[in-house]
Structure formats: C-alpha cells, structure tokens
Amino acid sequence: SDAIRRIPGVKNAKQYTVPVQDAVDAVRSGSNPELSTRQKHLRDCYV
C-alpha cells in the first residue's frame, strides 16, 4: 500500500493480498503442487 502511495498522482491507496483458494487446498492436501508466483496470489488495489 505504501509503495502505491509513493506513485505521483496517488492520494491514498490500499492493497489486498488474496490467496488463490484452489492453490491453498492443493497444498493442504499434501499433493505437492508446482505453483508459480502468479498462481498463488491475486493483488487487489483500491486507489
């Protein structure tokens, strides 16, 4: 959130990190999935 607020033109911002539930479930099952950075999380920004 701080990194977004440093961008010129941004007055305020919040960033939410959101796990991808299918990826969490696959790990919890013990199946040892291969997951890229992009497959594990989404990033939602409100500016």
All heavy atoms as atom14 arrays in JSON, in Angstrom:
{
  "sequence": "SDAIRRIPGVKNAKQYTVPVQDAVDAVRSGSNPELSTRQKHLRDCYV",
  "atom14_mask": [
    [1, 1, 1, 1, 1, 1, 0, 0, 0, 0, 0, 0, 0, 0],
    [1, 1, 1, 1, 1, 1, 1, 1, 0, 0, 0, 0, 0, 0],
    [1, 1, 1, 1, 1, 0, 0, 0, 0, 0, 0, 0, 0, 0],
    [1, 1, 1, 1, 1, 1, 1, 1, 0, 0, 0, 0, 0, 0],
    [1, 1, 1, 1, 1, 1, 1, 1, 1, 1, 1, 0, 0, 0],
    [1, 1, 1, 1, 1, 1, 1, 1, 1, 1, 1, 0, 0, 0],
    [1, 1, 1, 1, 1, 1, 1, 1, 0, 0, 0, 0, 0, 0],
    [1, 1, 1, 1, 1, 1, 1, 0, 0, 0, 0, 0, 0, 0],
    [1, 1, 1, 1, 0, 0, 0, 0, 0, 0, 0, 0, 0, 0],
    [1, 1, 1, 1, 1, 1, 1, 0, 0, 0, 0, 0, 0, 0],
    [1, 1, 1, 1, 1, 1, 1, 1, 1, 0, 0, 0, 0, 0],
    [1, 1, 1, 1, 1, 1, 1, 1, 0, 0, 0, 0, 0, 0],
    [1, 1, 1, 1, 1, 0, 0, 0, 0, 0, 0, 0, 0, 0],
    [1, 1, 1, 1, 1, 1, 1, 1, 1, 0, 0, 0, 0, 0],
    [1, 1, 1, 1, 1, 1, 1, 1, 1, 0, 0, 0, 0, 0],
    [1, 1, 1, 1, 1, 1, 1, 1, 1, 1, 1, 1, 0, 0],
    [1, 1, 1, 1, 1, 1, 1, 0, 0, 0, 0, 0, 0, 0],
    [1, 1, 1, 1, 1, 1, 1, 0, 0, 0, 0, 0, 0, 0],
    [1, 1, 1, 1, 1, 1, 1, 0, 0, 0, 0, 0, 0, 0],
    [1, 1, 1, 1, 1, 1, 1, 0, 0, 0, 0, 0, 0, 0],
    [1, 1, 1, 1, 1, 1, 1, 1, 1, 0, 0, 0, 0, 0],
    [1, 1, 1, 1, 1, 1, 1, 1, 0, 0, 0, 0, 0, 0],
    [1, 1, 1, 1, 1, 0, 0, 0, 0, 0, 0, 0, 0, 0],
    [1, 1, 1, 1, 1, 1, 1, 0, 0, 0, 0, 0, 0, 0],
    [1, 1, 1, 1, 1, 1, 1, 1, 0, 0, 0, 0, 0, 0],
    [1, 1, 1, 1, 1, 0, 0, 0, 0, 0, 0, 0, 0, 0],
    [1, 1, 1, 1, 1, 1, 1, 0, 0, 0, 0, 0, 0, 0],
    [1, 1, 1, 1, 1, 1, 1, 1, 1, 1, 1, 0, 0, 0],
    [1, 1, 1, 1, 1, 1, 0, 0, 0, 0, 0, 0, 0, 0],
    [1, 1, 1, 1, 0, 0, 0, 0, 0, 0, 0, 0, 0, 0],
    [1, 1, 1, 1, 1, 1, 0, 0, 0, 0, 0, 0, 0, 0],
    [1, 1, 1, 1, 1, 1, 1, 1, 0, 0, 0, 0, 0, 0],
    [1, 1, 1, 1, 1, 1, 1, 0, 0, 0, 0, 0, 0, 0],
    [1, 1, 1, 1, 1, 1, 1, 1, 1, 0, 0, 0, 0, 0],
    [1, 1, 1, 1, 1, 1, 1, 1, 0, 0, 0, 0, 0, 0],
    [1, 1, 1, 1, 1, 1, 0, 0, 0, 0, 0, 0, 0, 0],
    [1, 1, 1, 1, 1, 1, 1, 0, 0, 0, 0, 0, 0, 0],
    [1, 1, 1, 1, 1, 1, 1, 1, 1, 1, 1, 0, 0, 0],
    [1, 1, 1, 1, 1, 1, 1, 1, 1, 0, 0, 0, 0, 0],
    [1, 1, 1, 1, 1, 1, 1, 1, 1, 0, 0, 0, 0, 0],
    [1, 1, 1, 1, 1, 1, 1, 1, 1, 1, 0, 0, 0, 0],
    [1, 1, 1, 1, 1, 1, 1, 1, 0, 0, 0, 0, 0, 0],
    [1, 1, 1, 1, 1, 1, 1, 1, 1, 1, 1, 0, 0, 0],
    [1, 1, 1, 1, 1, 1, 1, 1, 0, 0, 0, 0, 0, 0],
    [1, 1, 1, 1, 1, 1, 0, 0, 0, 0, 0, 0, 0, 0],
    [1, 1, 1, 1, 1, 1, 1, 1, 1, 1, 1, 1, 0, 0],
    [1, 1, 1, 1, 1, 1, 1, 0, 0, 0, 0, 0, 0, 0]
  ],
  "atom14_positions": [
    [[0.83, -1.2, 0.0], [0.0, 0.0, 0.0], [0.87, 1.25, 0.0], [0.6, 2.23, -0.72], [-0.93, -0.01, 1.22], [-1.8, -1.12, 1.19], [0.0, 0.0, 0.0], [0.0, 0.0, 0.0], [0.0, 0.0, 0.0], [0.0, 0.0, 0.0], [0.0, 0.0, 0.0], [0.0, 0.0, 0.0], [0.0, 0.0, 0.0], [0.0, 0.0, 0.0]],
    [[1.93, 1.21, 0.81], [2.85, 2.35, 0.86], [3.52, 2.57, -0.49], [3.69, 3.72, -0.95], [3.91, 2.11, 1.93], [4.95, 3.22, 2.0], [4.59, 4.33, 2.41], [6.11, 2.97, 1.63], [0.0, 0.0, 0.0], [0.0, 0.0, 0.0], [0.0, 0.0, 0.0], [0.0, 0.0, 0.0], [0.0, 0.0, 0.0], [0.0, 0.0, 0.0]],
    [[3.89, 1.48, -1.17], [4.53, 1.6, -2.47], [3.61, 2.26, -3.48], [4.05, 3.08, -4.31], [4.96, 0.22, -2.97], [0.0, 0.0, 0.0], [0.0, 0.0, 0.0], [0.0, 0.0, 0.0], [0.0, 0.0, 0.0], [0.0, 0.0, 0.0], [0.0, 0.0, 0.0], [0.0, 0.0, 0.0], [0.0, 0.0, 0.0], [0.0, 0.0, 0.0]],
    [[2.32, 1.95, -3.44], [1.36, 2.61, -4.34], [1.24, 4.09, -4.0], [1.21, 4.94, -4.89], [-0.02, 1.93, -4.26], [0.05, 0.48, -4.72], [-1.03, 2.68, -5.14], [-1.25, -0.28, -4.52], [0.0, 0.0, 0.0], [0.0, 0.0, 0.0], [0.0, 0.0, 0.0], [0.0, 0.0, 0.0], [0.0, 0.0, 0.0], [0.0, 0.0, 0.0]],
    [[1.18, 4.4, -2.72], [1.02, 5.8, -2.31], [2.2, 6.66, -2.7], [2.09, 7.89, -2.76], [0.77, 5.88, -0.8], [-0.58, 5.35, -0.38], [-0.91, 5.73, 1.06], [-0.03, 5.07, 2.01], [-0.31, 3.91, 2.61], [-1.45, 3.29, 2.35], [0.52, 3.38, 3.49], [0.0, 0.0, 0.0], [0.0, 0.0, 0.0], [0.0, 0.0, 0.0]],
    [[3.35, 6.05, -2.98], [4.53, 6.82, -3.41], [4.44, 7.22, -4.89], [5.26, 8.03, -5.35], [5.81, 6.0, -3.18], [6.07, 5.56, -1.74], [6.2, 6.74, -0.8], [6.36, 6.32, 0.59], [7.52, 6.35, 1.24], [8.61, 6.77, 0.62], [7.59, 5.99, 2.5], [0.0, 0.0, 0.0], [0.0, 0.0, 0.0], [0.0, 0.0, 0.0]],
    [[3.51, 6.66, -5.62], [3.38, 6.99, -7.04], [2.78, 8.38, -7.19], [1.76, 8.7, -6.58], [2.49, 5.95, -7.76], [3.14, 4.57, -7.74], [2.2, 6.38, -9.21], [2.26, 3.46, -8.28], [0.0, 0.0, 0.0], [0.0, 0.0, 0.0], [0.0, 0.0, 0.0], [0.0, 0.0, 0.0], [0.0, 0.0, 0.0], [0.0, 0.0, 0.0]],
    [[3.39, 9.26, -7.99], [2.82, 10.6, -8.2], [1.39, 10.51, -8.73], [1.09, 9.73, -9.63], [3.76, 11.21, -9.25], [5.06, 10.48, -9.07], [4.68, 9.08, -8.69], [0.0, 0.0, 0.0], [0.0, 0.0, 0.0], [0.0, 0.0, 0.0], [0.0, 0.0, 0.0], [0.0, 0.0, 0.0], [0.0, 0.0, 0.0], [0.0, 0.0, 0.0]],
    [[0.51, 11.31, -8.14], [-0.88, 11.32, -8.55], [-1.79, 10.48, -7.66], [-3.01, 10.54, -7.79], [0.0, 0.0, 0.0], [0.0, 0.0, 0.0], [0.0, 0.0, 0.0], [0.0, 0.0, 0.0], [0.0, 0.0, 0.0], [0.0, 0.0, 0.0], [0.0, 0.0, 0.0], [0.0, 0.0, 0.0], [0.0, 0.0, 0.0], [0.0, 0.0, 0.0]],
    [[-1.19, 9.68, -6.75], [-1.98, 8.85, -5.84], [-2.16, 9.59, -4.52], [-1.2, 9.96, -3.86], [-1.3, 7.49, -5.6], [-2.04, 6.71, -4.51], [-1.26, 6.69, -6.89], [0.0, 0.0, 0.0], [0.0, 0.0, 0.0], [0.0, 0.0, 0.0], [0.0, 0.0, 0.0], [0.0, 0.0, 0.0], [0.0, 0.0, 0.0], [0.0, 0.0, 0.0]],
    [[-3.42, 9.76, -4.14], [-3.74, 10.45, -2.88], [-3.81, 9.47, -1.72], [-3.37, 9.77, -0.61], [-5.06, 11.2, -3.02], [-5.39, 12.11, -1.86], [-6.6, 12.98, -2.18], [-6.84, 14.0, -1.08], [-8.0, 14.88, -1.41], [0.0, 0.0, 0.0], [0.0, 0.0, 0.0], [0.0, 0.0, 0.0], [0.0, 0.0, 0.0], [0.0, 0.0, 0.0]],
    [[-4.37, 8.29, -1.97], [-4.46, 7.26, -0.94], [-4.62, 5.91, -1.62], [-5.08, 5.85, -2.76], [-5.63, 7.51, 0.01], [-5.36, 6.96, 1.41], [-4.44, 6.16, 1.61], [-6.16, 7.39, 2.38], [0.0, 0.0, 0.0], [0.0, 0.0, 0.0], [0.0, 0.0, 0.0], [0.0, 0.0, 0.0], [0.0, 0.0, 0.0], [0.0, 0.0, 0.0]],
    [[-4.25, 4.85, -0.92], [-4.34, 3.52, -1.55], [-4.29, 2.44, -0.49], [-3.65, 2.59, 0.55], [-3.21, 3.33, -2.55], [0.0, 0.0, 0.0], [0.0, 0.0, 0.0], [0.0, 0.0, 0.0], [0.0, 0.0, 0.0], [0.0, 0.0, 0.0], [0.0, 0.0, 0.0], [0.0, 0.0, 0.0], [0.0, 0.0, 0.0], [0.0, 0.0, 0.0]],
    [[-4.97, 1.34, -0.78], [-4.87, 0.1, -0.01], [-4.69, -1.05, -0.99], [-5.34, -1.09, -2.04], [-6.14, -0.15, 0.81], [-6.27, 0.67, 2.08], [-5.48, 0.06, 3.21], [-5.59, 0.92, 4.48], [-6.93, 0.89, 5.05], [0.0, 0.0, 0.0], [0.0, 0.0, 0.0], [0.0, 0.0, 0.0], [0.0, 0.0, 0.0], [0.0, 0.0, 0.0]],
    [[-3.81, -1.98, -0.63], [-3.62, -3.17, -1.44], [-3.94, -4.4, -0.62], [-3.44, -4.57, 0.49], [-2.17, -3.25, -1.95], [-1.97, -4.33, -2.99], [-1.48, -5.68, -2.46], [-0.96, -6.48, -3.21], [-1.62, -5.97, -1.18], [0.0, 0.0, 0.0], [0.0, 0.0, 0.0], [0.0, 0.0, 0.0], [0.0, 0.0, 0.0], [0.0, 0.0, 0.0]],
    [[-4.81, -5.26, -1.17], [-5.19, -6.5, -0.51], [-4.51, -7.66, -1.23], [-4.62, -7.8, -2.45], [-6.7, -6.7, -0.55], [-7.48, -5.64, 0.18], [-7.88, -4.48, -0.47], [-7.8, -5.79, 1.53], [-8.59, -3.49, 0.2], [-8.51, -4.82, 2.21], [-8.9, -3.67, 1.55], [-9.6, -2.7, 2.21], [0.0, 0.0, 0.0], [0.0, 0.0, 0.0]],
    [[-3.8, -8.47, -0.46], [-3.22, -9.7, -0.97], [-4.23, -10.82, -0.74], [-4.71, -11.01, 0.39], [-1.9, -10.02, -0.25], [-1.01, -8.91, -0.41], [-1.26, -11.27, -0.82], [0.0, 0.0, 0.0], [0.0, 0.0, 0.0], [0.0, 0.0, 0.0], [0.0, 0.0, 0.0], [0.0, 0.0, 0.0], [0.0, 0.0, 0.0], [0.0, 0.0, 0.0]],
    [[-4.55, -11.58, -1.8], [-5.61, -12.58, -1.74], [-5.07, -13.93, -2.18], [-4.66, -14.09, -3.33], [-6.8, -12.19, -2.63], [-7.94, -13.19, -2.48], [-7.27, -10.77, -2.33], [0.0, 0.0, 0.0], [0.0, 0.0, 0.0], [0.0, 0.0, 0.0], [0.0, 0.0, 0.0], [0.0, 0.0, 0.0], [0.0, 0.0, 0.0], [0.0, 0.0, 0.0]],
    [[-5.03, -14.94, -1.29], [-4.58, -16.27, -1.73], [-5.58, -16.88, -2.71], [-6.79, -16.67, -2.59], [-4.56, -17.09, -0.42], [-4.64, -16.1, 0.68], [-5.36, -14.92, 0.14], [0.0, 0.0, 0.0], [0.0, 0.0, 0.0], [0.0, 0.0, 0.0], [0.0, 0.0, 0.0], [0.0, 0.0, 0.0], [0.0, 0.0, 0.0], [0.0, 0.0, 0.0]],
    [[-5.06, -17.63, -3.66], [-5.92, -18.39, -4.57], [-6.32, -19.68, -3.84], [-5.47, -20.51, -3.53], [-5.18, -18.7, -5.89], [-6.05, -19.57, -6.79], [-4.81, -17.39, -6.6], [0.0, 0.0, 0.0], [0.0, 0.0, 0.0], [0.0, 0.0, 0.0], [0.0, 0.0, 0.0], [0.0, 0.0, 0.0], [0.0, 0.0, 0.0], [0.0, 0.0, 0.0]],
    [[-7.61, -19.82, -3.54], [-8.06, -20.9, -2.68], [-7.74, -22.28, -3.23], [-7.39, -23.2, -2.48], [-9.56, -20.79, -2.42], [-10.08, -21.72, -1.33], [-9.41, -21.48, 0.02], [-9.31, -20.34, 0.47], [-8.93, -22.55, 0.65], [0.0, 0.0, 0.0], [0.0, 0.0, 0.0], [0.0, 0.0, 0.0], [0.0, 0.0, 0.0], [0.0, 0.0, 0.0]],
    [[-7.85, -22.45, -4.55], [-7.52, -23.76, -5.13], [-6.08, -24.14, -4.85], [-5.77, -25.32, -4.62], [-7.78, -23.76, -6.64], [-9.27, -23.76, -6.98], [-10.08, -24.02, -6.07], [-9.61, -23.5, -8.16], [0.0, 0.0, 0.0], [0.0, 0.0, 0.0], [0.0, 0.0, 0.0], [0.0, 0.0, 0.0], [0.0, 0.0, 0.0], [0.0, 0.0, 0.0]],
    [[-5.19, -23.17, -4.86], [-3.79, -23.44, -4.59], [-3.58, -23.82, -3.12], [-2.83, -24.76, -2.81], [-2.94, -22.22, -4.95], [0.0, 0.0, 0.0], [0.0, 0.0, 0.0], [0.0, 0.0, 0.0], [0.0, 0.0, 0.0], [0.0, 0.0, 0.0], [0.0, 0.0, 0.0], [0.0, 0.0, 0.0], [0.0, 0.0, 0.0], [0.0, 0.0, 0.0]],
    [[-4.25, -23.11, -2.21], [-4.15, -23.44, -0.79], [-4.65, -24.87, -0.53], [-4.0, -25.65, 0.18], [-4.96, -22.44, 0.06], [-4.95, -22.86, 1.54], [-4.4, -21.03, -0.08], [0.0, 0.0, 0.0], [0.0, 0.0, 0.0], [0.0, 0.0, 0.0], [0.0, 0.0, 0.0], [0.0, 0.0, 0.0], [0.0, 0.0, 0.0], [0.0, 0.0, 0.0]],
    [[-5.78, -25.2, -1.12], [-6.36, -26.54, -0.92], [-5.44, -27.63, -1.45], [-5.29, -28.7, -0.84], [-7.72, -26.63, -1.6], [-8.77, -25.75, -0.94], [-8.56, -25.35, 0.23], [-9.79, -25.44, -1.59], [0.0, 0.0, 0.0], [0.0, 0.0, 0.0], [0.0, 0.0, 0.0], [0.0, 0.0, 0.0], [0.0, 0.0, 0.0], [0.0, 0.0, 0.0]],
    [[-4.8, -27.36, -2.58], [-3.9, -28.36, -3.17], [-2.69, -28.6, -2.27], [-2.26, -29.75, -2.07], [-3.44, -27.91, -4.55], [0.0, 0.0, 0.0], [0.0, 0.0, 0.0], [0.0, 0.0, 0.0], [0.0, 0.0, 0.0], [0.0, 0.0, 0.0], [0.0, 0.0, 0.0], [0.0, 0.0, 0.0], [0.0, 0.0, 0.0], [0.0, 0.0, 0.0]],
    [[-2.15, -27.54, -1.67], [-1.02, -27.69, -0.76], [-1.44, -28.43, 0.5], [-0.76, -29.35, 0.97], [-0.43, -26.31, -0.4], [0.6, -26.44, 0.71], [0.2, -25.68, -1.64], [0.0, 0.0, 0.0], [0.0, 0.0, 0.0], [0.0, 0.0, 0.0], [0.0, 0.0, 0.0], [0.0, 0.0, 0.0], [0.0, 0.0, 0.0], [0.0, 0.0, 0.0]],
    [[-2.58, -28.03, 1.07], [-3.04, -28.64, 2.31], [-3.3, -30.14, 2.15], [-3.2, -30.91, 3.1], [-4.3, -27.9, 2.77], [-4.73, -28.23, 4.19], [-5.86, -27.32, 4.64], [-5.37, -26.05, 5.14], [-5.96, -24.88, 4.93], [-7.03, -24.8, 4.17], [-5.46, -23.77, 5.45], [0.0, 0.0, 0.0], [0.0, 0.0, 0.0], [0.0, 0.0, 0.0]],
    [[-3.63, -30.55, 0.94], [-3.89, -31.96, 0.68], [-2.63, -32.81, 0.68], [-2.7, -34.04, 0.7], [-4.59, -32.12, -0.68], [-3.67, -31.93, -1.75], [0.0, 0.0, 0.0], [0.0, 0.0, 0.0], [0.0, 0.0, 0.0], [0.0, 0.0, 0.0], [0.0, 0.0, 0.0], [0.0, 0.0, 0.0], [0.0, 0.0, 0.0], [0.0, 0.0, 0.0]],
    [[-1.46, -32.16, 0.62], [-0.2, -32.89, 0.58], [0.2, -33.35, -0.8], [1.12, -34.18, -0.94], [0.0, 0.0, 0.0], [0.0, 0.0, 0.0], [0.0, 0.0, 0.0], [0.0, 0.0, 0.0], [0.0, 0.0, 0.0], [0.0, 0.0, 0.0], [0.0, 0.0, 0.0], [0.0, 0.0, 0.0], [0.0, 0.0, 0.0], [0.0, 0.0, 0.0]],
    [[-0.42, -32.8, -1.85], [-0.14, -33.25, -3.21], [1.1, -32.6, -3.82], [1.48, -32.92, -4.96], [-1.34, -32.98, -4.12], [-1.6, -31.58, -4.21], [0.0, 0.0, 0.0], [0.0, 0.0, 0.0], [0.0, 0.0, 0.0], [0.0, 0.0, 0.0], [0.0, 0.0, 0.0], [0.0, 0.0, 0.0], [0.0, 0.0, 0.0], [0.0, 0.0, 0.0]],
    [[1.75, -31.66, -3.07], [2.99, -31.01, -3.53], [2.87, -30.4, -4.92], [3.66, -30.7, -5.81], [4.16, -32.01, -3.51], [4.52, -32.45, -2.12], [4.21, -31.79, -1.14], [5.16, -33.6, -2.02], [0.0, 0.0, 0.0], [0.0, 0.0, 0.0], [0.0, 0.0, 0.0], [0.0, 0.0, 0.0], [0.0, 0.0, 0.0], [0.0, 0.0, 0.0]],
    [[1.91, -29.5, -5.13], [1.76, -28.91, -6.46], [2.91, -27.98, -6.8], [3.53, -27.39, -5.9], [0.45, -28.13, -6.34], [0.36, -27.76, -4.89], [0.93, -28.95, -4.17], [0.0, 0.0, 0.0], [0.0, 0.0, 0.0], [0.0, 0.0, 0.0], [0.0, 0.0, 0.0], [0.0, 0.0, 0.0], [0.0, 0.0, 0.0], [0.0, 0.0, 0.0]],
    [[3.19, -27.85, -8.08], [4.14, -26.84, -8.56], [3.33, -25.57, -8.84], [2.46, -25.56, -9.71], [4.84, -27.32, -9.84], [5.78, -28.49, -9.62], [7.02, -28.1, -8.82], [7.34, -26.89, -8.78], [7.66, -28.99, -8.24], [0.0, 0.0, 0.0], [0.0, 0.0, 0.0], [0.0, 0.0, 0.0], [0.0, 0.0, 0.0], [0.0, 0.0, 0.0]],
    [[3.62, -24.51, -8.1], [2.84, -23.28, -8.21], [3.75, -22.1, -8.51], [4.74, -21.87, -7.82], [2.1, -23.02, -6.9], [1.07, -24.06, -6.46], [0.59, -23.76, -5.05], [-0.11, -24.08, -7.42], [0.0, 0.0, 0.0], [0.0, 0.0, 0.0], [0.0, 0.0, 0.0], [0.0, 0.0, 0.0], [0.0, 0.0, 0.0], [0.0, 0.0, 0.0]],
    [[3.4, -21.36, -9.54], [4.13, -20.13, -9.84], [3.68, -19.03, -8.89], [2.65, -19.13, -8.21], [3.86, -19.7, -11.28], [2.52, -19.29, -11.44], [0.0, 0.0, 0.0], [0.0, 0.0, 0.0], [0.0, 0.0, 0.0], [0.0, 0.0, 0.0], [0.0, 0.0, 0.0], [0.0, 0.0, 0.0], [0.0, 0.0, 0.0], [0.0, 0.0, 0.0]],
    [[4.44, -17.95, -8.82], [4.04, -16.79, -8.01], [2.65, -16.33, -8.38], [1.8, -16.05, -7.52], [5.05, -15.65, -8.22], [6.33, -16.06, -7.74], [4.63, -14.4, -7.5], [0.0, 0.0, 0.0], [0.0, 0.0, 0.0], [0.0, 0.0, 0.0], [0.0, 0.0, 0.0], [0.0, 0.0, 0.0], [0.0, 0.0, 0.0], [0.0, 0.0, 0.0]],
    [[2.37, -16.28, -9.67], [1.08, -15.79, -10.16], [-0.07, -16.72, -9.78], [-1.21, -16.28, -9.59], [1.15, -15.6, -11.67], [0.03, -14.76, -12.26], [0.28, -14.51, -13.74], [1.52, -13.78, -13.97], [1.62, -12.46, -13.94], [0.56, -11.72, -13.7], [2.78, -11.86, -14.15], [0.0, 0.0, 0.0], [0.0, 0.0, 0.0], [0.0, 0.0, 0.0]],
    [[0.2, -18.01, -9.65], [-0.86, -18.97, -9.34], [-1.26, -18.96, -7.87], [-2.32, -19.48, -7.52], [-0.41, -20.39, -9.73], [-0.34, -20.64, -11.23], [0.24, -22.0, -11.55], [1.31, -22.38, -11.05], [-0.47, -22.77, -12.37], [0.0, 0.0, 0.0], [0.0, 0.0, 0.0], [0.0, 0.0, 0.0], [0.0, 0.0, 0.0], [0.0, 0.0, 0.0]],
    [[-0.43, -18.38, -7.01], [-0.69, -18.46, -5.58], [-1.48, -17.29, -5.02], [-2.21, -17.44, -4.04], [0.64, -18.58, -4.81], [1.34, -19.91, -5.02], [2.49, -20.11, -4.05], [3.64, -19.16, -4.34], [4.8, -19.42, -3.45], [0.0, 0.0, 0.0], [0.0, 0.0, 0.0], [0.0, 0.0, 0.0], [0.0, 0.0, 0.0], [0.0, 0.0, 0.0]],
    [[-1.32, -16.1, -5.61], [-1.96, -14.91, -5.04], [-2.5, -13.99, -6.14], [-1.94, -13.92, -7.23], [-0.96, -14.08, -4.22], [-0.44, -14.77, -3.01], [0.72, -15.51, -3.01], [-0.93, -14.84, -1.75], [0.92, -15.99, -1.8], [-0.06, -15.61, -1.02], [0.0, 0.0, 0.0], [0.0, 0.0, 0.0], [0.0, 0.0, 0.0], [0.0, 0.0, 0.0]],
    [[-3.55, -13.26, -5.75], [-4.02, -12.11, -6.51], [-3.72, -10.86, -5.71], [-3.59, -10.91, -4.48], [-5.55, -12.21, -6.73], [-6.09, -13.5, -7.33], [-7.62, -13.46, -7.31], [-5.57, -13.71, -8.74], [0.0, 0.0, 0.0], [0.0, 0.0, 0.0], [0.0, 0.0, 0.0], [0.0, 0.0, 0.0], [0.0, 0.0, 0.0], [0.0, 0.0, 0.0]],
    [[-3.62, -9.73, -6.41], [-3.43, -8.45, -5.71], [-4.52, -7.48, -6.15], [-4.64, -7.16, -7.33], [-2.03, -7.87, -5.98], [-0.92, -8.76, -5.43], [0.37, -8.0, -5.24], [1.44, -8.84, -4.69], [1.62, -9.08, -3.4], [0.79, -8.56, -2.51], [2.62, -9.83, -2.99], [0.0, 0.0, 0.0], [0.0, 0.0, 0.0], [0.0, 0.0, 0.0]],
    [[-5.32, -7.02, -5.18], [-6.4, -6.07, -5.42], [-6.0, -4.71, -4.85], [-5.68, -4.61, -3.65], [-7.69, -6.53, -4.77], [-8.4, -7.61, -5.55], [-8.07, -7.78, -6.74], [-9.28, -8.27, -4.98], [0.0, 0.0, 0.0], [0.0, 0.0, 0.0], [0.0, 0.0, 0.0], [0.0, 0.0, 0.0], [0.0, 0.0, 0.0], [0.0, 0.0, 0.0]],
    [[-6.03, -3.69, -5.68], [-5.61, -2.35, -5.28], [-6.79, -1.38, -5.37], [-7.49, -1.34, -6.39], [-4.48, -1.85, -6.18], [-3.1, -3.0, -6.36], [0.0, 0.0, 0.0], [0.0, 0.0, 0.0], [0.0, 0.0, 0.0], [0.0, 0.0, 0.0], [0.0, 0.0, 0.0], [0.0, 0.0, 0.0], [0.0, 0.0, 0.0], [0.0, 0.0, 0.0]],
    [[-6.97, -0.61, -4.32], [-8.03, 0.42, -4.29], [-7.34, 1.77, -4.13], [-6.64, 2.0, -3.13], [-9.0, 0.14, -3.15], [-9.83, -1.1, -3.4], [-9.32, -2.37, -3.12], [-11.1, -1.01, -3.95], [-10.06, -3.52, -3.37], [-11.85, -2.14, -4.21], [-11.33, -3.39, -3.92], [-12.07, -4.51, -4.18], [0.0, 0.0, 0.0], [0.0, 0.0, 0.0]],
    [[-7.54, 2.64, -5.12], [-6.73, 3.85, -5.24], [-7.61, 5.08, -5.34], [-8.57, 5.12, -6.13], [-5.81, 3.76, -6.48], [-4.97, 5.03, -6.62], [-4.92, 2.52, -6.4], [0.0, 0.0, 0.0], [0.0, 0.0, 0.0], [0.0, 0.0, 0.0], [0.0, 0.0, 0.0], [0.0, 0.0, 0.0], [0.0, 0.0, 0.0], [0.0, 0.0, 0.0]]
  ]
}
